Protein backbone atom coordinates (compact mmCIF):
# COMPACT_ATOMS: atom_id res chain seq x y z
CA UNK A 1 -72.84 57.90 41.87
CA UNK A 2 -73.91 60.18 39.71
CA UNK A 3 -76.57 63.11 40.58
CA UNK A 4 -80.02 63.22 38.46
CA UNK A 5 -81.37 66.51 37.58
CA UNK A 6 -84.79 67.11 38.38
CA UNK A 7 -86.70 67.78 34.77
CA UNK A 8 -88.84 70.82 36.42
CA UNK A 9 -85.78 72.60 37.31
CA UNK A 10 -84.50 75.67 35.02
CA UNK A 11 -81.14 75.84 33.67
CA UNK A 12 -78.89 79.08 34.78
CA UNK A 13 -79.09 81.49 32.01
CA UNK A 14 -77.42 84.70 30.83
CA UNK A 15 -80.14 87.71 32.34
CA UNK A 16 -80.44 88.39 28.64
CA UNK A 17 -82.13 85.06 28.00
CA UNK A 18 -84.18 84.66 30.89
CA UNK A 19 -87.43 83.06 29.74
CA UNK A 20 -85.51 80.81 26.76
CA UNK A 21 -87.21 77.81 26.40
CA UNK A 22 -86.32 75.16 23.46
CA UNK A 23 -87.89 72.09 22.77
CA UNK A 24 -87.69 68.77 20.23
CA UNK A 25 -91.40 67.48 19.30
CA UNK A 26 -91.62 63.93 18.08
CA UNK A 27 -90.95 64.54 14.71
CA UNK A 28 -87.46 66.23 15.57
CA UNK A 29 -88.81 69.63 14.97
CA UNK A 30 -87.36 72.49 17.30
CA UNK A 31 -89.36 74.83 18.67
CA UNK A 32 -88.29 77.84 20.60
CA UNK A 33 -89.48 80.46 23.01
CA UNK A 34 -87.49 83.33 21.30
CA UNK A 35 -87.32 84.14 17.68
CA UNK A 36 -84.11 83.31 15.40
CA UNK A 37 -83.09 86.91 14.96
CA UNK A 38 -83.07 87.62 18.73
CA UNK A 39 -81.22 84.54 19.53
CA UNK A 40 -78.47 85.44 16.78
CA UNK A 41 -78.22 89.20 18.03
CA UNK A 42 -77.36 87.59 21.72
CA UNK A 43 -74.75 85.21 20.25
CA UNK A 44 -73.28 88.29 18.08
CA UNK A 45 -73.24 90.44 20.82
CA UNK A 46 -71.46 88.23 23.53
CA UNK A 47 -69.66 85.65 21.61
CA UNK A 48 -66.43 86.06 19.33
CA UNK A 49 -66.36 84.02 15.88
CA UNK A 50 -63.12 82.01 16.11
CA UNK A 51 -63.06 81.47 12.36
CA UNK A 52 -63.31 85.35 12.04
CA UNK A 53 -61.16 86.92 14.66
CA UNK A 54 -57.52 86.29 12.48
CA UNK A 55 -59.09 87.51 8.85
CA UNK A 56 -57.03 90.88 7.93
CA UNK A 57 -59.96 92.18 5.83
CA UNK A 58 -62.37 92.18 8.66
CA UNK A 59 -59.82 94.40 10.82
CA UNK A 60 -59.85 97.02 8.05
CA UNK A 61 -63.42 97.57 7.93
CA UNK A 62 -63.79 97.99 11.31
CA UNK A 63 -60.97 100.85 11.47
CA UNK A 64 -62.40 102.31 8.25
CA UNK A 65 -65.93 102.92 10.29
CA UNK A 66 -63.98 104.21 13.57
CA UNK A 67 -61.47 106.38 11.90
């Protein structure tokens, strides 16, 4: 048997995303309680981009900034 989740329960989220809500209206448009810039800032800070992790040219830019 599967357990059904109540619709009124808020999902567990990272503390930086507290209050984040997303809705899809009848036309398929997505609305969010946070701006895209704030979401992107959170993702850039907390999620590693797998496509970019092995690029040598990005490592060189990081070393130049530090040294």
